[in-house]
Amino acid sequence: MDPLHSIIITLFLFILTFFNPGANLFIVVQTTLSSGKKAGLTCGYGVVLGNAIYSGLGLFGLVTLMAEFGSLFSLIKILGGLYLLYYAVSVFNNKTQLNLSTENTMESFPSGVYFRRGLISDLSNPQTVLFFMSIFSTTISPSTPLWTKLVIWMGIVIASLIWRIILCQTFSLTSVRRTYSRVHKVVGKGVGLILGGLATRLIYQGVSELVVKKSPF
């Protein structure tokens, strides 16, 4: 496959994943709605960094080395799942009364909290790097030039950033925020249940994999 086709197909496949709702999307949207656009963007930057790390690992072959340490992936799933479960419970039980007419009435935490939330959410799912590896295995070969890999990596990072900006801009609109102020408790419980389900699945997968690896049969 020539370099141009590799770039186009890889980025196209990556962009398709934006329309498959996952923990990252729900966390960025929930943060934007409850804490404002700036907080949502900061959370999104954490997700983008996670994508940059995992896509870089997949592109430059380090994932092959990491895959040999299967227990590490399982441990990451468990720890990440526990964090995600903690956040899900916090969202579900949130009793804050919101009046979103001004930014000052919104939930506020240090920027590092939002950034860490997004980063951990992304890094907690090692399947992300395996997904990147599966894409790259069909669009990249050992003969693919280094510049092509760099362009693909930059494209993934930029596309991920643009998507998070779009999400934050959309869900920070006054009309959306006003609606959210009326139904945020119901939305919070729904998002909490979804994230809790995703977290439980991650923990279950991680524990199951560790048990299988240690089983003598």
C-alpha atoms as a PDB file:
ATOM      1  CA  MET A   1       0.000   0.000   0.000  1.00  0.00           C
ATOM      2  CA  ASP A   2       1.450   3.361  -0.990  1.00  0.00           C
ATOM      3  CA  PRO A   3       2.003   6.018   1.730  1.00  0.00           C
ATOM      4  CA  LEU A   4      -0.945   8.226   0.753  1.00  0.00           C
ATOM      5  CA  HIS A   5      -3.418   5.340   0.867  1.00  0.00           C
ATOM      6  CA  SER A   6      -1.982   4.208   4.200  1.00  0.00           C
ATOM      7  CA  ILE A   7      -2.550   7.648   5.674  1.00  0.00           C
ATOM      8  CA  ILE A   8      -6.084   8.080   4.311  1.00  0.00           C
ATOM      9  CA  ILE A   9      -7.344   4.600   5.224  1.00  0.00           C
ATOM     10  CA  THR A  10      -5.808   4.627   8.712  1.00  0.00           C
ATOM     11  CA  LEU A  11      -7.278   8.015   9.592  1.00  0.00           C
ATOM     12  CA  PHE A  12     -10.650   7.063   8.093  1.00  0.00           C
ATOM     13  CA  LEU A  13     -10.842   3.918  10.226  1.00  0.00           C
ATOM     14  CA  PHE A  14      -9.834   5.884  13.306  1.00  0.00           C
ATOM     15  CA  ILE A  15     -12.462   8.582  12.724  1.00  0.00           C
ATOM     16  CA  LEU A  16     -15.149   5.898  12.416  1.00  0.00           C
ATOM     17  CA  THR A  17     -14.520   5.001  16.067  1.00  0.00           C
ATOM     18  CA  PHE A  18     -15.794   8.445  17.105  1.00  0.00           C
ATOM     19  CA  PHE A  19     -19.335   7.269  16.395  1.00  0.00           C
ATOM     20  CA  ASN A  20     -19.056   4.261  18.689  1.00  0.00           C
ATOM     21  CA  PRO A  21     -19.939   5.616  22.169  1.00  0.00           C
ATOM     22  CA  GLY A  22     -17.506   4.543  24.844  1.00  0.00           C
ATOM     23  CA  ALA A  23     -16.276   5.597  28.260  1.00  0.00           C
ATOM     24  CA  ASN A  24     -14.136   8.409  26.824  1.00  0.00           C
ATOM     25  CA  LEU A  25     -17.090  10.050  25.101  1.00  0.00           C
ATOM     26  CA  PHE A  26     -19.360   9.831  28.141  1.00  0.00           C
ATOM     27  CA  ILE A  27     -16.681  11.203  30.474  1.00  0.00           C
ATOM     28  CA  VAL A  28     -15.882  14.213  28.274  1.00  0.00           C
ATOM     29  CA  VAL A  29     -19.566  15.005  27.735  1.00  0.00           C
ATOM     30  CA  GLN A  30     -20.451  14.586  31.415  1.00  0.00           C
ATOM     31  CA  THR A  31     -17.523  16.776  32.491  1.00  0.00           C
ATOM     32  CA  THR A  32     -18.506  19.492  30.011  1.00  0.00           C
ATOM     33  CA  LEU A  33     -22.126  19.489  31.143  1.00  0.00           C
ATOM     34  CA  SER A  34     -21.413  19.484  34.867  1.00  0.00           C
ATOM     35  CA  SER A  35     -18.272  21.639  34.985  1.00  0.00           C
ATOM     36  CA  GLY A  36     -18.187  23.719  31.804  1.00  0.00           C
ATOM     37  CA  LYS A  37     -16.378  23.840  28.484  1.00  0.00           C
ATOM     38  CA  LYS A  38     -12.927  24.523  29.930  1.00  0.00           C
ATOM     39  CA  ALA A  39     -13.144  21.501  32.218  1.00  0.00           C
ATOM     40  CA  GLY A  40     -14.455  19.354  29.367  1.00  0.00           C
ATOM     41  CA  LEU A  41     -11.609  20.433  27.113  1.00  0.00           C
ATOM     42  CA  THR A  42      -9.063  19.686  29.830  1.00  0.00           C
ATOM     43  CA  CYS A  43     -10.576  16.233  30.249  1.00  0.00           C
ATOM     44  CA  GLY A  44     -10.494  15.839  26.467  1.00  0.00           C
ATOM     45  CA  TYR A  45      -6.797  16.755  26.395  1.00  0.00           C
ATOM     46  CA  GLY A  46      -6.174  13.839  28.741  1.00  0.00           C
ATOM     47  CA  VAL A  47      -7.983  11.494  26.341  1.00  0.00           C
ATOM     48  CA  VAL A  48      -5.984  12.898  23.418  1.00  0.00           C
ATOM     49  CA  LEU A  49      -2.715  12.247  25.260  1.00  0.00           C
ATOM     50  CA  GLY A  50      -3.839   8.681  25.901  1.00  0.00           C
ATOM     51  CA  ASN A  51      -4.582   8.234  22.198  1.00  0.00           C
ATOM     52  CA  ALA A  52      -1.184   9.724  21.343  1.00  0.00           C
ATOM     53  CA  ILE A  53       0.575   7.278  23.655  1.00  0.00           C
ATOM     54  CA  TYR A  54      -1.267   4.170  22.513  1.00  0.00           C
ATOM     55  CA  SER A  55      -1.187   5.019  18.796  1.00  0.00           C
ATOM     56  CA  GLY A  56       2.530   5.735  19.108  1.00  0.00           C
ATOM     57  CA  LEU A  57       3.090   2.359  20.751  1.00  0.00           C
ATOM     58  CA  GLY A  58       1.153   0.633  18.004  1.00  0.00           C
ATOM     59  CA  LEU A  59       2.840   2.524  15.165  1.00  0.00           C
ATOM     60  CA  PHE A  60       6.389   2.007  16.268  1.00  0.00           C
ATOM     61  CA  GLY A  61       6.107  -1.625  17.275  1.00  0.00           C
ATOM     62  CA  LEU A  62       6.409  -1.281  21.041  1.00  0.00           C
ATOM     63  CA  VAL A  63       2.995  -2.879  21.473  1.00  0.00           C
ATOM     64  CA  THR A  64       4.479  -6.184  20.299  1.00  0.00           C
ATOM     65  CA  LEU A  65       6.880  -6.093  23.217  1.00  0.00           C
ATOM     66  CA  MET A  66       4.151  -5.081  25.644  1.00  0.00           C
ATOM     67  CA  ALA A  67       1.876  -7.865  24.392  1.00  0.00           C
ATOM     68  CA  GLU A  68       4.402 -10.390  25.694  1.00  0.00           C
ATOM     69  CA  PHE A  69       3.625  -9.174  29.188  1.00  0.00           C
ATOM     70  CA  GLY A  70      -0.046 -10.095  29.166  1.00  0.00           C
ATOM     71  CA  SER A  71      -0.342  -9.753  32.931  1.00  0.00           C
ATOM     72  CA  LEU A  72       0.523  -6.063  32.623  1.00  0.00           C
ATOM     73  CA  PHE A  73      -2.436  -5.490  30.307  1.00  0.00           C
ATOM     74  CA  SER A  74      -4.696  -7.380  32.708  1.00  0.00           C
ATOM     75  CA  LEU A  75      -3.490  -5.328  35.668  1.00  0.00           C
ATOM     76  CA  ILE A  76      -4.068  -2.086  33.762  1.00  0.00           C
ATOM     77  CA  LYS A  77      -7.623  -3.216  33.020  1.00  0.00           C
ATOM     78  CA  ILE A  78      -8.316  -3.926  36.690  1.00  0.00           C
ATOM     79  CA  LEU A  79      -6.818  -0.681  38.023  1.00  0.00           C
ATOM     80  CA  GLY A  80      -8.387   1.420  35.288  1.00  0.00           C
ATOM     81  CA  GLY A  81     -11.712  -0.318  35.789  1.00  0.00           C
ATOM     82  CA  LEU A  82     -11.606   0.426  39.514  1.00  0.00           C
ATOM     83  CA  TYR A  83     -10.977   4.117  38.845  1.00  0.00           C
ATOM     84  CA  LEU A  84     -13.761   4.199  36.270  1.00  0.00           C
ATOM     85  CA  LEU A  85     -16.092   2.464  38.726  1.00  0.00           C
ATOM     86  CA  TYR A  86     -15.235   5.037  41.396  1.00  0.00           C
ATOM     87  CA  TYR A  87     -16.039   7.862  38.996  1.00  0.00           C
ATOM     88  CA  ALA A  88     -19.259   6.134  37.897  1.00  0.00           C
ATOM     89  CA  VAL A  89     -20.446   5.864  41.505  1.00  0.00           C
ATOM     90  CA  SER A  90     -19.568   9.538  42.083  1.00  0.00           C
ATOM     91  CA  VAL A  91     -21.598  10.595  39.046  1.00  0.00           C
ATOM     92  CA  PHE A  92     -24.511   8.337  39.979  1.00  0.00           C
ATOM     93  CA  ASN A  93     -24.677   9.638  43.567  1.00  0.00           C
ATOM     94  CA  ASN A  94     -24.056  13.306  42.732  1.00  0.00           C
ATOM     95  CA  LYS A  95     -26.651  15.404  44.579  1.00  0.00           C
ATOM     96  CA  THR A  96     -25.331  18.833  43.563  1.00  0.00           C
ATOM     97  CA  GLN A  97     -28.034  21.334  42.678  1.00  0.00           C
ATOM     98  CA  LEU A  98     -26.980  23.003  39.434  1.00  0.00           C
ATOM     99  CA  ASN A  99     -27.950  26.384  38.085  1.00  0.00           C
ATOM    100  CA  LEU A 100     -26.062  26.670  34.830  1.00  0.00           C
ATOM    101  CA  SER A 101     -26.866  30.303  34.136  1.00  0.00           C
ATOM    102  CA  THR A 102     -23.288  31.245  35.050  1.00  0.00           C
ATOM    103  CA  GLU A 103     -19.980  29.422  35.044  1.00  0.00           C
ATOM    104  CA  ASN A 104     -19.467  30.212  38.739  1.00  0.00           C
ATOM    105  CA  THR A 105     -22.357  27.971  39.772  1.00  0.00           C
ATOM    106  CA  MET A 106     -20.915  24.898  38.103  1.00  0.00           C
ATOM    107  CA  GLU A 107     -18.918  22.156  39.775  1.00  0.00           C
ATOM    108  CA  SER A 108     -15.269  23.133  39.928  1.00  0.00           C
ATOM    109  CA  PHE A 109     -12.109  21.150  40.609  1.00  0.00           C
ATOM    110  CA  PRO A 110      -8.415  21.783  39.843  1.00  0.00           C
ATOM    111  CA  SER A 111      -7.585  21.357  36.140  1.00  0.00           C
ATOM    112  CA  GLY A 112      -5.366  18.393  36.968  1.00  0.00           C
ATOM    113  CA  VAL A 113      -8.398  16.446  38.164  1.00  0.00           C
ATOM    114  CA  TYR A 114     -10.131  16.761  34.802  1.00  0.00           C
ATOM    115  CA  PHE A 115      -6.970  16.026  32.817  1.00  0.00           C
ATOM    116  CA  ARG A 116      -6.207  12.958  34.918  1.00  0.00           C
ATOM    117  CA  ARG A 117      -9.803  11.800  34.542  1.00  0.00           C
ATOM    118  CA  GLY A 118      -9.538  11.789  30.743  1.00  0.00           C
ATOM    119  CA  LEU A 119      -6.054  10.288  30.644  1.00  0.00           C
ATOM    120  CA  ILE A 120      -6.841   7.436  33.023  1.00  0.00           C
ATOM    121  CA  SER A 121     -10.088   6.728  31.201  1.00  0.00           C
ATOM    122  CA  ASP A 122      -8.196   6.246  27.950  1.00  0.00           C
ATOM    123  CA  LEU A 123      -5.178   4.402  29.339  1.00  0.00           C
ATOM    124  CA  SER A 124      -7.368   2.119  31.451  1.00  0.00           C
ATOM    125  CA  ASN A 125      -8.465   0.275  28.329  1.00  0.00           C
ATOM    126  CA  PRO A 126      -5.510  -1.605  26.792  1.00  0.00           C
ATOM    127  CA  GLN A 127      -7.877  -2.722  24.047  1.00  0.00           C
ATOM    128  CA  THR A 128      -7.285   0.740  22.604  1.00  0.00           C
ATOM    129  CA  VAL A 129      -3.688  -0.078  21.760  1.00  0.00           C
ATOM    130  CA  LEU A 130      -4.738  -3.468  20.414  1.00  0.00           C
ATOM    131  CA  PHE A 131      -7.287  -1.680  18.236  1.00  0.00           C
ATOM    132  CA  PHE A 132      -4.578   0.577  16.872  1.00  0.00           C
ATOM    133  CA  MET A 133      -2.393  -2.443  16.261  1.00  0.00           C
ATOM    134  CA  SER A 134      -5.172  -4.171  14.300  1.00  0.00           C
ATOM    135  CA  ILE A 135      -5.615  -1.093  12.094  1.00  0.00           C
ATOM    136  CA  PHE A 136      -1.903  -0.657  11.532  1.00  0.00           C
ATOM    137  CA  SER A 137      -1.472  -4.325  10.657  1.00  0.00           C
ATOM    138  CA  THR A 138      -3.655  -3.793   7.583  1.00  0.00           C
ATOM    139  CA  THR A 139      -2.437  -0.342   6.528  1.00  0.00           C
ATOM    140  CA  ILE A 140       1.244  -0.343   7.472  1.00  0.00           C
ATOM    141  CA  SER A 141       4.070  -2.689   6.543  1.00  0.00           C
ATOM    142  CA  PRO A 142       7.739  -2.915   7.596  1.00  0.00           C
ATOM    143  CA  SER A 143       8.604  -0.960   4.454  1.00  0.00           C
ATOM    144  CA  THR A 144       6.329   1.968   5.317  1.00  0.00           C
ATOM    145  CA  PRO A 145       8.491   5.122   5.505  1.00  0.00           C
ATOM    146  CA  LEU A 146       9.051   6.768   8.867  1.00  0.00           C
ATOM    147  CA  TRP A 147       7.536  10.034   7.620  1.00  0.00           C
ATOM    148  CA  THR A 148       4.309   8.210   6.773  1.00  0.00           C
ATOM    149  CA  LYS A 149       4.072   6.820  10.299  1.00  0.00           C
ATOM    150  CA  LEU A 150       4.694  10.272  11.739  1.00  0.00           C
ATOM    151  CA  VAL A 151       1.983  11.812   9.543  1.00  0.00           C
ATOM    152  CA  ILE A 152      -0.462   9.079  10.609  1.00  0.00           C
ATOM    153  CA  TRP A 153       0.399   9.620  14.269  1.00  0.00           C
ATOM    154  CA  MET A 154      -0.029  13.396  13.984  1.00  0.00           C
ATOM    155  CA  GLY A 155      -3.294  12.900  12.088  1.00  0.00           C
ATOM    156  CA  ILE A 156      -4.650  10.650  14.844  1.00  0.00           C
ATOM    157  CA  VAL A 157      -3.719  13.168  17.535  1.00  0.00           C
ATOM    158  CA  ILE A 158      -5.197  16.125  15.618  1.00  0.00           C
ATOM    159  CA  ALA A 159      -8.402  14.240  14.728  1.00  0.00           C
ATOM    160  CA  SER A 160      -8.812  13.150  18.350  1.00  0.00           C
ATOM    161  CA  LEU A 161      -8.323  16.736  19.527  1.00  0.00           C
ATOM    162  CA  ILE A 162     -10.795  18.190  17.007  1.00  0.00           C
ATOM    163  CA  TRP A 163     -13.443  15.621  17.979  1.00  0.00           C
ATOM    164  CA  ARG A 164     -13.135  16.499  21.681  1.00  0.00           C
ATOM    165  CA  ILE A 165     -13.367  20.209  20.877  1.00  0.00           C
ATOM    166  CA  ILE A 166     -16.544  19.574  18.866  1.00  0.00           C
ATOM    167  CA  LEU A 167     -18.039  17.613  21.767  1.00  0.00           C
ATOM    168  CA  CYS A 168     -17.217  20.325  24.284  1.00  0.00           C
ATOM    169  CA  GLN A 169     -18.485  23.121  22.055  1.00  0.00           C
ATOM    170  CA  THR A 170     -21.745  21.274  21.420  1.00  0.00           C
ATOM    171  CA  PHE A 171     -22.470  20.344  25.020  1.00  0.00           C
ATOM    172  CA  SER A 172     -21.506  23.777  26.363  1.00  0.00           C
ATOM    173  CA  LEU A 173     -24.220  25.533  24.347  1.00  0.00           C
ATOM    174  CA  THR A 174     -26.597  27.522  26.537  1.00  0.00           C
ATOM    175  CA  SER A 175     -29.654  25.602  25.338  1.00  0.00           C
ATOM    176  CA  VAL A 176     -27.997  22.258  26.027  1.00  0.00           C
ATOM    177  CA  ARG A 177     -26.761  23.373  29.449  1.00  0.00           C
ATOM    178  CA  ARG A 178     -30.179  24.772  30.379  1.00  0.00           C
ATOM    179  CA  THR A 179     -31.817  21.472  29.503  1.00  0.00           C
ATOM    180  CA  TYR A 180     -29.137  19.603  31.415  1.00  0.00           C
ATOM    181  CA  SER A 181     -29.733  21.741  34.520  1.00  0.00           C
ATOM    182  CA  ARG A 182     -33.280  20.369  34.620  1.00  0.00           C
ATOM    183  CA  VAL A 183     -32.466  16.722  34.023  1.00  0.00           C
ATOM    184  CA  HIS A 184     -28.869  16.406  35.229  1.00  0.00           C
ATOM    185  CA  LYS A 185     -29.762  13.986  38.031  1.00  0.00           C
ATOM    186  CA  VAL A 186     -31.403  11.569  35.617  1.00  0.00           C
ATOM    187  CA  VAL A 187     -28.590  12.017  33.093  1.00  0.00           C
ATOM    188  CA  GLY A 188     -26.013  11.517  35.834  1.00  0.00           C
ATOM    189  CA  LYS A 189     -27.583   8.262  36.927  1.00  0.00           C
ATOM    190  CA  GLY A 190     -27.754   7.062  33.329  1.00  0.00           C
ATOM    191  CA  VAL A 191     -24.119   7.953  32.645  1.00  0.00           C
ATOM    192  CA  GLY A 192     -23.131   6.433  35.981  1.00  0.00           C
ATOM    193  CA  LEU A 193     -24.819   3.149  35.074  1.00  0.00           C
ATOM    194  CA  ILE A 194     -23.195   3.074  31.628  1.00  0.00           C
ATOM    195  CA  LEU A 195     -19.726   3.847  32.984  1.00  0.00           C
ATOM    196  CA  GLY A 196     -20.282   1.401  35.820  1.00  0.00           C
ATOM    197  CA  GLY A 197     -21.119  -1.315  33.306  1.00  0.00           C
ATOM    198  CA  LEU A 198     -18.019  -0.549  31.255  1.00  0.00           C
ATOM    199  CA  ALA A 199     -15.891  -0.502  34.414  1.00  0.00           C
ATOM    200  CA  THR A 200     -17.294  -3.815  35.616  1.00  0.00           C
ATOM    201  CA  ARG A 201     -16.544  -5.400  32.250  1.00  0.00           C
ATOM    202  CA  LEU A 202     -12.952  -4.127  32.344  1.00  0.00           C
ATOM    203  CA  ILE A 203     -12.425  -5.468  35.865  1.00  0.00           C
ATOM    204  CA  TYR A 204     -14.006  -8.814  34.967  1.00  0.00           C
ATOM    205  CA  GLN A 205     -11.844  -9.161  31.853  1.00  0.00           C
ATOM    206  CA  GLY A 206      -8.689  -8.293  33.768  1.00  0.00           C
ATOM    207  CA  VAL A 207      -9.374 -10.703  36.623  1.00  0.00           C
ATOM    208  CA  SER A 208     -10.433 -13.493  34.229  1.00  0.00           C
ATOM    209  CA  GLU A 209      -7.251 -13.108  32.196  1.00  0.00           C
ATOM    210  CA  LEU A 210      -5.065 -13.239  35.304  1.00  0.00           C
ATOM    211  CA  VAL A 211      -6.888 -16.343  36.557  1.00  0.00           C
ATOM    212  CA  VAL A 212      -6.502 -18.095  33.188  1.00  0.00           C
ATOM    213  CA  LYS A 213      -2.788 -17.257  33.051  1.00  0.00           C
ATOM    214  CA  LYS A 214      -2.226 -18.701  36.522  1.00  0.00           C
ATOM    215  CA  SER A 215      -4.358 -21.789  35.922  1.00  0.00           C
ATOM    216  CA  PRO A 216      -2.280 -24.980  35.443  1.00  0.00           C
ATOM    217  CA  PHE A 217      -4.912 -26.387  33.060  1.00  0.00           C
END
